Amino acid sequence: MHTLEQLRAFVAVYEEHSFSAAGRRVNKDRTTIRELVKSYEDSLGYELFTIVGRKAIETPAAEKLYPHAILVIRQDSKLAEISNFLFNDSKTHFNIGYDIDFPFDFLKYIELWAAKSFPLVSINWLARNREVGLEELKNEKLDFAFFPAKGSISLMFPAYYQHLGYVDYGLYVGSNSKLAAKSTFDLEDAQLEVQYLSENALKAEGVIKAFSYCTRVVSSSELIMQLLQEQGWALLPNRTAENGVRKGVIQKKETGLLCNDFKVPFSLFYTIGLEQDSFIKALREQCDLLAKDYFD
């Protein structure tokens, strides 16, 4: 059998090649380190080090043992971390909802930050439109969410929200469609040509609405870009449309109907019961810092 103290002493001597240096590293005197290693050797039945001058040289057996000892020490450290986390009664699992038009690279940054800063917290990233997502937030199926905000936010249940910034939407048509060849895009085009409307935008009940008499609701922005190659027009987030523009399948269309891009406000939402949770508090702060750089 072994103790964690013996393993730590063994690892320290192995890495420092010295009993004295190992003692300084783990804040114990040389004699104690030597006794811990010797008692470990006695329990194993073989030597771990040979002394050459002032150096402790590891034996072949020690070389094989070392990676396993490191693993046990790391597992013990992780167990202590988890035990302390659970003792503090912290929530360890979160469902975060997001609208598919919200920038994915923003969410990617948050995921990497959370993995580094809160390694014991697990996150599910769940795509939801605003209507469904707020209902799930109300029923505590979601803990946190990134959704479009109406001009005047009014929630029918206890929750907090925090403005992040605006996602820019432009008017896009297929690069080879008849609308691309026109010198102007006017009100008649907007009303009579096929409009592909994101289901999420429709259910968000924001500034993006059905303008055409022939509007077709589509759940996927990727599918909208495919459909635009043949006909119609759509209002798409500029960041989402970048890939299609690069490939030459769609193009942004300037029009006198819009003096600038549509700007859709996005906010984060979270339930009142979690406002003091350590992860949620840190997440809110991180989102606020990121939003200032990302949207400004």
C-alpha atoms as a PDB file:
ATOM      1  CA  MET A   1       0.000   0.000   0.000  1.00  0.00           C
ATOM      2  CA  HIS A   2       1.017   3.593  -0.424  1.00  0.00           C
ATOM      3  CA  THR A   3       0.011   6.966   0.943  1.00  0.00           C
ATOM      4  CA  LEU A   4      -0.413  10.217  -0.973  1.00  0.00           C
ATOM      5  CA  GLU A   5       2.457  11.694   1.039  1.00  0.00           C
ATOM      6  CA  GLN A   6       4.723   8.883  -0.162  1.00  0.00           C
ATOM      7  CA  LEU A   7       3.639   9.413  -3.781  1.00  0.00           C
ATOM      8  CA  ARG A   8       4.208  13.167  -3.570  1.00  0.00           C
ATOM      9  CA  ALA A   9       7.648  12.635  -2.057  1.00  0.00           C
ATOM     10  CA  PHE A  10       8.514  10.086  -4.755  1.00  0.00           C
ATOM     11  CA  VAL A  11       7.359  12.412  -7.573  1.00  0.00           C
ATOM     12  CA  ALA A  12       9.203  15.398  -6.099  1.00  0.00           C
ATOM     13  CA  VAL A  13      12.499  13.470  -5.838  1.00  0.00           C
ATOM     14  CA  TYR A  14      11.992  12.001  -9.341  1.00  0.00           C
ATOM     15  CA  GLU A  15      11.522  15.472 -10.870  1.00  0.00           C
ATOM     16  CA  GLU A  16      14.118  17.306  -8.773  1.00  0.00           C
ATOM     17  CA  HIS A  17      16.749  14.507  -8.730  1.00  0.00           C
ATOM     18  CA  SER A  18      17.508  15.495  -5.139  1.00  0.00           C
ATOM     19  CA  PHE A  19      16.049  14.790  -1.707  1.00  0.00           C
ATOM     20  CA  SER A  20      16.949  18.283  -0.505  1.00  0.00           C
ATOM     21  CA  ALA A  21      15.387  20.025  -3.503  1.00  0.00           C
ATOM     22  CA  ALA A  22      12.323  17.794  -3.229  1.00  0.00           C
ATOM     23  CA  GLY A  23      11.984  18.782   0.431  1.00  0.00           C
ATOM     24  CA  ARG A  24      12.068  22.471  -0.404  1.00  0.00           C
ATOM     25  CA  ARG A  25       9.456  21.934  -3.114  1.00  0.00           C
ATOM     26  CA  VAL A  26       6.936  20.235  -0.830  1.00  0.00           C
ATOM     27  CA  ASN A  27       7.935  22.199   2.262  1.00  0.00           C
ATOM     28  CA  LYS A  28       9.398  19.263   4.181  1.00  0.00           C
ATOM     29  CA  ASP A  29      12.933  18.609   5.398  1.00  0.00           C
ATOM     30  CA  ARG A  30      15.291  16.259   3.578  1.00  0.00           C
ATOM     31  CA  THR A  31      15.088  13.578   6.277  1.00  0.00           C
ATOM     32  CA  THR A  32      11.300  13.397   6.073  1.00  0.00           C
ATOM     33  CA  ILE A  33      11.400  13.076   2.282  1.00  0.00           C
ATOM     34  CA  ARG A  34      14.012  10.309   2.514  1.00  0.00           C
ATOM     35  CA  GLU A  35      11.910   8.424   5.114  1.00  0.00           C
ATOM     36  CA  LEU A  36       8.769   8.703   2.964  1.00  0.00           C
ATOM     37  CA  VAL A  37      10.576   7.384  -0.099  1.00  0.00           C
ATOM     38  CA  LYS A  38      12.259   4.607   1.924  1.00  0.00           C
ATOM     39  CA  SER A  39       8.961   3.467   3.449  1.00  0.00           C
ATOM     40  CA  TYR A  40       7.437   3.452  -0.050  1.00  0.00           C
ATOM     41  CA  GLU A  41      10.346   1.357  -1.339  1.00  0.00           C
ATOM     42  CA  ASP A  42       9.877  -1.072   1.573  1.00  0.00           C
ATOM     43  CA  SER A  43       6.203  -1.525   0.730  1.00  0.00           C
ATOM     44  CA  LEU A  44       7.031  -2.036  -2.964  1.00  0.00           C
ATOM     45  CA  GLY A  45       9.952  -4.386  -2.347  1.00  0.00           C
ATOM     46  CA  TYR A  46      12.355  -2.628  -4.723  1.00  0.00           C
ATOM     47  CA  GLU A  47      14.459   0.541  -4.912  1.00  0.00           C
ATOM     48  CA  LEU A  48      13.265   3.691  -6.679  1.00  0.00           C
ATOM     49  CA  PHE A  49      16.521   5.689  -6.603  1.00  0.00           C
ATOM     50  CA  THR A  50      20.246   5.165  -6.444  1.00  0.00           C
ATOM     51  CA  ILE A  51      22.466   7.920  -5.026  1.00  0.00           C
ATOM     52  CA  VAL A  52      25.307   9.142  -7.222  1.00  0.00           C
ATOM     53  CA  GLY A  53      27.148  11.991  -5.542  1.00  0.00           C
ATOM     54  CA  ARG A  54      24.407  14.398  -4.516  1.00  0.00           C
ATOM     55  CA  LYS A  55      21.969  13.259  -7.170  1.00  0.00           C
ATOM     56  CA  ALA A  56      19.110  10.787  -6.789  1.00  0.00           C
ATOM     57  CA  ILE A  57      19.001   8.756  -9.986  1.00  0.00           C
ATOM     58  CA  GLU A  58      15.724   7.010 -10.750  1.00  0.00           C
ATOM     59  CA  THR A  59      15.769   3.253 -11.338  1.00  0.00           C
ATOM     60  CA  PRO A  60      14.044   1.611 -14.333  1.00  0.00           C
ATOM     61  CA  ALA A  61      11.245   0.607 -11.961  1.00  0.00           C
ATOM     62  CA  ALA A  62      10.778   4.246 -10.919  1.00  0.00           C
ATOM     63  CA  GLU A  63      10.525   5.301 -14.565  1.00  0.00           C
ATOM     64  CA  LYS A  64       7.626   2.887 -15.072  1.00  0.00           C
ATOM     65  CA  LEU A  65       5.960   3.898 -11.820  1.00  0.00           C
ATOM     66  CA  TYR A  66       6.239   7.657 -12.263  1.00  0.00           C
ATOM     67  CA  PRO A  67       3.372   8.305 -14.785  1.00  0.00           C
ATOM     68  CA  HIS A  68       0.966   6.224 -12.683  1.00  0.00           C
ATOM     69  CA  ALA A  69       1.927   8.130  -9.529  1.00  0.00           C
ATOM     70  CA  ILE A  70       1.313  11.423 -11.346  1.00  0.00           C
ATOM     71  CA  LEU A  71      -2.129  10.204 -12.398  1.00  0.00           C
ATOM     72  CA  VAL A  72      -3.097   9.264  -8.830  1.00  0.00           C
ATOM     73  CA  ILE A  73      -1.952  12.659  -7.503  1.00  0.00           C
ATOM     74  CA  ARG A  74      -3.928  14.496 -10.180  1.00  0.00           C
ATOM     75  CA  GLN A  75      -7.005  12.404  -9.466  1.00  0.00           C
ATOM     76  CA  ASP A  76      -6.706  13.217  -5.769  1.00  0.00           C
ATOM     77  CA  SER A  77      -6.439  16.931  -6.573  1.00  0.00           C
ATOM     78  CA  LYS A  78      -9.492  16.738  -8.830  1.00  0.00           C
ATOM     79  CA  LEU A  79     -11.435  14.860  -6.136  1.00  0.00           C
ATOM     80  CA  ALA A  80     -10.605  17.573  -3.601  1.00  0.00           C
ATOM     81  CA  GLU A  81     -11.698  20.242  -6.080  1.00  0.00           C
ATOM     82  CA  ILE A  82     -14.990  18.484  -6.784  1.00  0.00           C
ATOM     83  CA  SER A  83     -15.609  17.850  -3.081  1.00  0.00           C
ATOM     84  CA  ASN A  84     -15.096  21.507  -2.257  1.00  0.00           C
ATOM     85  CA  PHE A  85     -17.327  22.563  -5.168  1.00  0.00           C
ATOM     86  CA  LEU A  86     -20.131  20.280  -4.018  1.00  0.00           C
ATOM     87  CA  PHE A  87     -19.721  21.379  -0.408  1.00  0.00           C
ATOM     88  CA  ASN A  88     -20.425  24.947  -1.511  1.00  0.00           C
ATOM     89  CA  ASP A  89     -23.718  23.698  -2.986  1.00  0.00           C
ATOM     90  CA  SER A  90     -22.958  25.142  -6.409  1.00  0.00           C
ATOM     91  CA  LYS A  91     -24.943  24.140  -9.481  1.00  0.00           C
ATOM     92  CA  THR A  92     -22.763  22.138 -11.854  1.00  0.00           C
ATOM     93  CA  HIS A  93     -24.952  21.687 -14.936  1.00  0.00           C
ATOM     94  CA  PHE A  94     -26.442  24.443 -17.105  1.00  0.00           C
ATOM     95  CA  ASN A  95     -28.629  24.542 -20.197  1.00  0.00           C
ATOM     96  CA  ILE A  96     -27.892  27.611 -22.302  1.00  0.00           C
ATOM     97  CA  GLY A  97     -30.251  28.528 -25.127  1.00  0.00           C
ATOM     98  CA  TYR A  98     -29.298  30.555 -28.182  1.00  0.00           C
ATOM     99  CA  ASP A  99     -30.942  31.933 -31.295  1.00  0.00           C
ATOM    100  CA  ILE A 100     -29.252  30.578 -34.432  1.00  0.00           C
ATOM    101  CA  ASP A 101     -28.704  34.124 -35.710  1.00  0.00           C
ATOM    102  CA  PHE A 102     -26.605  35.013 -32.663  1.00  0.00           C
ATOM    103  CA  PRO A 103     -22.872  35.018 -33.574  1.00  0.00           C
ATOM    104  CA  PHE A 104     -21.420  31.546 -33.092  1.00  0.00           C
ATOM    105  CA  ASP A 105     -17.893  32.846 -32.512  1.00  0.00           C
ATOM    106  CA  PHE A 106     -19.212  34.756 -29.474  1.00  0.00           C
ATOM    107  CA  LEU A 107     -20.636  31.493 -28.100  1.00  0.00           C
ATOM    108  CA  LYS A 108     -17.400  29.664 -28.920  1.00  0.00           C
ATOM    109  CA  TYR A 109     -15.433  32.179 -26.863  1.00  0.00           C
ATOM    110  CA  ILE A 110     -17.814  31.717 -23.918  1.00  0.00           C
ATOM    111  CA  GLU A 111     -17.477  27.928 -24.152  1.00  0.00           C
ATOM    112  CA  LEU A 112     -13.668  28.118 -24.076  1.00  0.00           C
ATOM    113  CA  TRP A 113     -13.753  30.605 -21.193  1.00  0.00           C
ATOM    114  CA  ALA A 114     -16.131  28.386 -19.198  1.00  0.00           C
ATOM    115  CA  ALA A 115     -14.019  25.267 -19.821  1.00  0.00           C
ATOM    116  CA  LYS A 116     -10.946  27.079 -18.489  1.00  0.00           C
ATOM    117  CA  SER A 117     -12.499  29.060 -15.628  1.00  0.00           C
ATOM    118  CA  PHE A 118     -15.145  26.551 -14.480  1.00  0.00           C
ATOM    119  CA  PRO A 119     -13.840  23.100 -15.500  1.00  0.00           C
ATOM    120  CA  LEU A 120     -16.333  21.321 -13.220  1.00  0.00           C
ATOM    121  CA  VAL A 121     -19.337  22.978 -14.858  1.00  0.00           C
ATOM    122  CA  SER A 122     -20.976  21.210 -17.791  1.00  0.00           C
ATOM    123  CA  ILE A 123     -22.954  23.142 -20.420  1.00  0.00           C
ATOM    124  CA  ASN A 124     -25.519  22.090 -22.988  1.00  0.00           C
ATOM    125  CA  TRP A 125     -25.846  24.559 -25.893  1.00  0.00           C
ATOM    126  CA  LEU A 126     -29.451  24.375 -27.132  1.00  0.00           C
ATOM    127  CA  ALA A 127     -30.709  26.143 -30.266  1.00  0.00           C
ATOM    128  CA  ARG A 128     -34.126  27.697 -29.619  1.00  0.00           C
ATOM    129  CA  ASN A 129     -36.215  30.452 -31.118  1.00  0.00           C
ATOM    130  CA  ARG A 130     -37.159  33.264 -28.778  1.00  0.00           C
ATOM    131  CA  GLU A 131     -40.738  32.100 -28.254  1.00  0.00           C
ATOM    132  CA  VAL A 132     -39.819  28.536 -27.256  1.00  0.00           C
ATOM    133  CA  GLY A 133     -36.673  29.588 -25.418  1.00  0.00           C
ATOM    134  CA  LEU A 134     -38.384  32.072 -23.111  1.00  0.00           C
ATOM    135  CA  GLU A 135     -41.034  29.488 -22.285  1.00  0.00           C
ATOM    136  CA  GLU A 136     -38.282  27.002 -21.371  1.00  0.00           C
ATOM    137  CA  LEU A 137     -36.560  29.685 -19.322  1.00  0.00           C
ATOM    138  CA  LYS A 138     -39.836  30.245 -17.479  1.00  0.00           C
ATOM    139  CA  ASN A 139     -40.167  26.499 -16.806  1.00  0.00           C
ATOM    140  CA  GLU A 140     -36.478  26.305 -15.755  1.00  0.00           C
ATOM    141  CA  LYS A 141     -35.548  24.011 -18.634  1.00  0.00           C
ATOM    142  CA  LEU A 142     -33.076  26.712 -19.663  1.00  0.00           C
ATOM    143  CA  ASP A 143     -30.858  28.544 -17.192  1.00  0.00           C
ATOM    144  CA  PHE A 144     -29.433  31.199 -19.476  1.00  0.00           C
ATOM    145  CA  ALA A 145     -30.124  32.340 -23.038  1.00  0.00           C
ATOM    146  CA  PHE A 146     -29.059  34.603 -25.918  1.00  0.00           C
ATOM    147  CA  PHE A 147     -32.153  35.845 -27.760  1.00  0.00           C
ATOM    148  CA  PRO A 148     -33.329  38.818 -29.826  1.00  0.00           C
ATOM    149  CA  ALA A 149     -34.981  41.537 -27.781  1.00  0.00           C
ATOM    150  CA  LYS A 150     -38.124  43.409 -28.691  1.00  0.00           C
ATOM    151  CA  GLY A 151     -38.054  47.183 -28.727  1.00  0.00           C
ATOM    152  CA  SER A 152     -39.681  47.155 -25.308  1.00  0.00           C
ATOM    153  CA  ILE A 153     -38.851  44.043 -23.326  1.00  0.00           C
ATOM    154  CA  SER A 154     -41.678  42.837 -21.155  1.00  0.00           C
ATOM    155  CA  LEU A 155     -41.425  39.358 -19.717  1.00  0.00           C
ATOM    156  CA  MET A 156     -44.419  37.592 -18.270  1.00  0.00           C
ATOM    157  CA  PHE A 157     -42.377  35.755 -15.639  1.00  0.00           C
ATOM    158  CA  PRO A 158     -39.644  36.664 -13.112  1.00  0.00           C
ATOM    159  CA  ALA A 159     -36.363  36.886 -15.006  1.00  0.00           C
ATOM    160  CA  TYR A 160     -33.478  39.233 -15.662  1.00  0.00           C
ATOM    161  CA  TYR A 161     -32.195  40.411 -19.013  1.00  0.00           C
ATOM    162  CA  GLN A 162     -29.092  42.292 -20.084  1.00  0.00           C
ATOM    163  CA  HIS A 163     -28.551  44.034 -23.416  1.00  0.00           C
ATOM    164  CA  LEU A 164     -25.494  42.844 -25.346  1.00  0.00           C
ATOM    165  CA  GLY A 165     -25.524  44.641 -28.682  1.00  0.00           C
ATOM    166  CA  TYR A 166     -26.919  44.624 -32.188  1.00  0.00           C
ATOM    167  CA  VAL A 167     -26.623  41.997 -34.912  1.00  0.00           C
ATOM    168  CA  ASP A 168     -26.542  43.579 -38.378  1.00  0.00           C
ATOM    169  CA  TYR A 169     -28.813  42.123 -41.068  1.00  0.00           C
ATOM    170  CA  GLY A 170     -28.499  42.893 -44.785  1.00  0.00           C
ATOM    171  CA  LEU A 171     -30.674  42.208 -47.827  1.00  0.00           C
ATOM    172  CA  TYR A 172     -29.355  39.297 -49.891  1.00  0.00           C
ATOM    173  CA  VAL A 173     -30.215  37.742 -53.240  1.00  0.00           C
ATOM    174  CA  GLY A 174     -28.790  34.878 -55.280  1.00  0.00           C
ATOM    175  CA  SER A 175     -25.755  35.916 -57.344  1.00  0.00           C
ATOM    176  CA  ASN A 176     -27.262  34.399 -60.489  1.00  0.00           C
ATOM    177  CA  SER A 177     -30.886  35.335 -59.859  1.00  0.00           C
ATOM    178  CA  LYS A 178     -32.799  37.959 -61.800  1.00  0.00           C
ATOM    179  CA  LEU A 179     -32.825  40.225 -58.755  1.00  0.00           C
ATOM    180  CA  ALA A 180     -29.015  40.327 -58.769  1.00  0.00           C
ATOM    181  CA  ALA A 181     -29.053  41.632 -62.351  1.00  0.00           C
ATOM    182  CA  LYS A 182     -31.410  44.507 -61.527  1.00  0.00           C
ATOM    183  CA  SER A 183     -29.851  47.894 -60.950  1.00  0.00           C
ATOM    184  CA  THR A 184     -32.264  48.665 -58.122  1.00  0.00           C
ATOM    185  CA  PHE A 185     -34.305  46.727 -55.587  1.00  0.00           C
ATOM    186  CA  ASP A 186     -37.541  48.575 -55.011  1.00  0.00           C
ATOM    187  CA  LEU A 187     -40.783  48.219 -53.062  1.00  0.00           C
ATOM    188  CA  GLU A 188     -42.371  46.203 -55.856  1.00  0.00           C
ATOM    189  CA  ASP A 189     -39.556  43.650 -55.665  1.00  0.00           C
ATOM    190  CA  ALA A 190     -39.874  43.436 -51.867  1.00  0.00           C
ATOM    191  CA  GLN A 191     -43.608  42.830 -52.068  1.00  0.00           C
ATOM    192  CA  LEU A 192     -43.964  40.644 -55.167  1.00  0.00           C
ATOM    193  CA  GLU A 193     -40.803  38.535 -55.218  1.00  0.00           C
ATOM    194  CA  VAL A 194     -40.420  35.504 -52.930  1.00  0.00           C
ATOM    195  CA  GLN A 195     -39.147  36.452 -49.471  1.00  0.00           C
ATOM    196  CA  TYR A 196     -37.419  33.767 -47.442  1.00  0.00           C
ATOM    197  CA  LEU A 197     -37.943  34.553 -43.792  1.00  0.00           C
ATOM    198  CA  SER A 198     -36.098  32.912 -40.923  1.00  0.00           C
ATOM    199  CA  GLU A 199     -38.479  31.111 -38.563  1.00  0.00           C
ATOM    200  CA  ASN A 200     -36.480  32.481 -35.643  1.00  0.00           C
ATOM    201  CA  ALA A 201     -36.865  36.063 -36.864  1.00  0.00           C
ATOM    202  CA  LEU A 202     -40.579  35.561 -37.391  1.00  0.00           C
ATOM    203  CA  LYS A 203     -41.149  34.207 -33.884  1.00  0.00           C
ATOM    204  CA  ALA A 204     -38.960  36.849 -32.290  1.00  0.00           C
ATOM    205  CA  GLU A 205     -41.593  39.406 -33.379  1.00  0.00           C
ATOM    206  CA  GLY A 206     -38.919  42.043 -33.893  1.00  0.00           C
ATOM    207  CA  VAL A 207     -38.128  44.401 -36.764  1.00  0.00           C
ATOM    208  CA  ILE A 208     -37.695  41.606 -39.333  1.00  0.00           C
ATOM    209  CA  LYS A 209     -41.122  40.613 -40.573  1.00  0.00           C
ATOM    210  CA  ALA A 210     -42.925  39.212 -43.594  1.00  0.00           C
ATOM    211  CA  PHE A 211     -42.872  42.023 -46.178  1.00  0.00           C
ATOM    212  CA  SER A 212     -43.681  40.048 -49.325  1.00  0.00           C
ATOM    213  CA  TYR A 213     -47.061  38.757 -50.432  1.00  0.00           C
ATOM    214  CA  CYS A 214     -45.170  35.523 -51.122  1.00  0.00           C
ATOM    215  CA  THR A 215     -43.242  34.864 -47.919  1.00  0.00           C
ATOM    216  CA  ARG A 216     -41.851  31.420 -47.158  1.00  0.00           C
ATOM    217  CA  VAL A 217     -40.683  30.629 -43.639  1.00  0.00           C
ATOM    218  CA  VAL A 218     -37.476  28.585 -43.389  1.00  0.00           C
ATOM    219  CA  SER A 219     -35.828  27.264 -40.217  1.00  0.00           C
ATOM    220  CA  SER A 220     -32.242  27.185 -41.489  1.00  0.00           C
ATOM    221  CA  SER A 221     -30.154  30.133 -42.689  1.00  0.00           C
ATOM    222  CA  GLU A 222     -28.021  27.675 -44.656  1.00  0.00           C
ATOM    223  CA  LEU A 223     -31.114  26.462 -46.506  1.00  0.00           C
ATOM    224  CA  ILE A 224     -32.183  30.061 -47.179  1.00  0.00           C
ATOM    225  CA  MET A 225     -28.834  30.710 -48.866  1.00  0.00           C
ATOM    226  CA  GLN A 226     -29.338  27.620 -51.018  1.00  0.00           C
ATOM    227  CA  LEU A 227     -32.858  28.684 -52.022  1.00  0.00           C
ATOM    228  CA  LEU A 228     -31.733  32.225 -52.846  1.00  0.00           C
ATOM    229  CA  GLN A 229     -29.558  30.882 -55.644  1.00  0.00           C
ATOM    230  CA  GLU A 230     -32.669  30.379 -57.739  1.00  0.00           C
ATOM    231  CA  GLN A 231     -35.048  33.134 -56.684  1.00  0.00           C
ATOM    232  CA  GLY A 232     -36.163  35.584 -54.044  1.00  0.00           C
ATOM    233  CA  TRP A 233     -34.567  37.697 -51.354  1.00  0.00           C
ATOM    234  CA  ALA A 234     -33.943  37.489 -47.625  1.00  0.00           C
ATOM    235  CA  LEU A 235     -32.734  39.507 -44.687  1.00  0.00           C
ATOM    236  CA  LEU A 236     -29.776  37.624 -43.190  1.00  0.00           C
ATOM    237  CA  PRO A 237     -27.215  38.368 -40.475  1.00  0.00           C
ATOM    238  CA  ASN A 238     -24.160  39.725 -42.281  1.00  0.00           C
ATOM    239  CA  ARG A 239     -21.833  37.390 -40.380  1.00  0.00           C
ATOM    240  CA  THR A 240     -23.975  34.392 -41.344  1.00  0.00           C
ATOM    241  CA  ALA A 241     -24.064  35.456 -44.999  1.00  0.00           C
ATOM    242  CA  GLU A 242     -20.278  35.978 -45.244  1.00  0.00           C
ATOM    243  CA  ASN A 243     -19.589  32.382 -46.259  1.00  0.00           C
ATOM    244  CA  GLY A 244     -22.186  32.434 -49.060  1.00  0.00           C
ATOM    245  CA  VAL A 245     -20.844  35.760 -50.340  1.00  0.00           C
ATOM    246  CA  ARG A 246     -17.273  34.388 -50.327  1.00  0.00           C
ATOM    247  CA  LYS A 247     -18.417  31.376 -52.349  1.00  0.00           C
ATOM    248  CA  GLY A 248     -20.180  33.661 -54.789  1.00  0.00           C
ATOM    249  CA  VAL A 249     -23.613  32.057 -54.369  1.00  0.00           C
ATOM    250  CA  ILE A 250     -25.313  35.083 -52.811  1.00  0.00           C
ATOM    251  CA  GLN A 251     -24.644  38.791 -52.771  1.00  0.00           C
ATOM    252  CA  LYS A 252     -25.655  41.732 -50.671  1.00  0.00           C
ATOM    253  CA  LYS A 253     -28.088  44.008 -52.465  1.00  0.00           C
ATOM    254  CA  GLU A 254     -28.136  47.722 -51.844  1.00  0.00           C
ATOM    255  CA  THR A 255     -31.607  49.215 -51.885  1.00  0.00           C
ATOM    256  CA  GLY A 256     -33.227  52.571 -51.384  1.00  0.00           C
ATOM    257  CA  LEU A 257     -35.686  50.854 -49.035  1.00  0.00           C
ATOM    258  CA  LEU A 258     -32.944  50.585 -46.406  1.00  0.00           C
ATOM    259  CA  CYS A 259     -30.648  53.480 -45.580  1.00  0.00           C
ATOM    260  CA  ASN A 260     -28.542  51.123 -43.425  1.00  0.00           C
ATOM    261  CA  ASP A 261     -28.495  47.499 -42.341  1.00  0.00           C
ATOM    262  CA  PHE A 262     -31.262  46.294 -40.063  1.00  0.00           C
ATOM    263  CA  LYS A 263     -29.946  46.282 -36.513  1.00  0.00           C
ATOM    264  CA  VAL A 264     -31.561  43.650 -34.305  1.00  0.00           C
ATOM    265  CA  PRO A 265     -30.940  43.976 -30.551  1.00  0.00           C
ATOM    266  CA  PHE A 266     -29.843  40.846 -28.705  1.00  0.00           C
ATOM    267  CA  SER A 267     -29.916  40.313 -24.959  1.00  0.00           C
ATOM    268  CA  LEU A 268     -29.015  37.606 -22.507  1.00  0.00           C
ATOM    269  CA  PHE A 269     -31.733  36.264 -20.221  1.00  0.00           C
ATOM    270  CA  TYR A 270     -31.474  34.326 -16.955  1.00  0.00           C
ATOM    271  CA  THR A 271     -33.842  33.302 -14.200  1.00  0.00           C
ATOM    272  CA  ILE A 272     -34.039  35.186 -10.922  1.00  0.00           C
ATOM    273  CA  GLY A 273     -33.267  32.056  -8.902  1.00  0.00           C
ATOM    274  CA  LEU A 274     -29.749  31.946 -10.373  1.00  0.00           C
ATOM    275  CA  GLU A 275     -28.742  35.588 -10.073  1.00  0.00           C
ATOM    276  CA  GLN A 276     -26.359  34.800  -7.173  1.00  0.00           C
ATOM    277  CA  ASP A 277     -24.935  31.591  -8.644  1.00  0.00           C
ATOM    278  CA  SER A 278     -21.150  31.977  -8.941  1.00  0.00           C
ATOM    279  CA  PHE A 279     -21.017  30.657 -12.507  1.00  0.00           C
ATOM    280  CA  ILE A 280     -23.935  32.776 -13.738  1.00  0.00           C
ATOM    281  CA  LYS A 281     -22.485  35.917 -12.129  1.00  0.00           C
ATOM    282  CA  ALA A 282     -19.111  35.305 -13.772  1.00  0.00           C
ATOM    283  CA  LEU A 283     -20.796  34.424 -17.088  1.00  0.00           C
ATOM    284  CA  ARG A 284     -22.766  37.679 -17.074  1.00  0.00           C
ATOM    285  CA  GLU A 285     -19.594  39.668 -16.437  1.00  0.00           C
ATOM    286  CA  GLN A 286     -17.738  37.815 -19.164  1.00  0.00           C
ATOM    287  CA  CYS A 287     -20.563  38.374 -21.671  1.00  0.00           C
ATOM    288  CA  ASP A 288     -20.617  42.065 -20.814  1.00  0.00           C
ATOM    289  CA  LEU A 289     -16.857  42.407 -21.355  1.00  0.00           C
ATOM    290  CA  LEU A 290     -16.939  40.447 -24.601  1.00  0.00           C
ATOM    291  CA  ALA A 291     -19.952  42.364 -25.925  1.00  0.00           C
ATOM    292  CA  LYS A 292     -18.150  45.691 -25.511  1.00  0.00           C
ATOM    293  CA  ASP A 293     -15.376  44.505 -27.834  1.00  0.00           C
ATOM    294  CA  TYR A 294     -17.527  42.392 -30.128  1.00  0.00           C
ATOM    295  CA  PHE A 295     -20.439  44.710 -30.885  1.00  0.00           C
ATOM    296  CA  ASP A 296     -18.928  48.181 -30.432  1.00  0.00           C
END
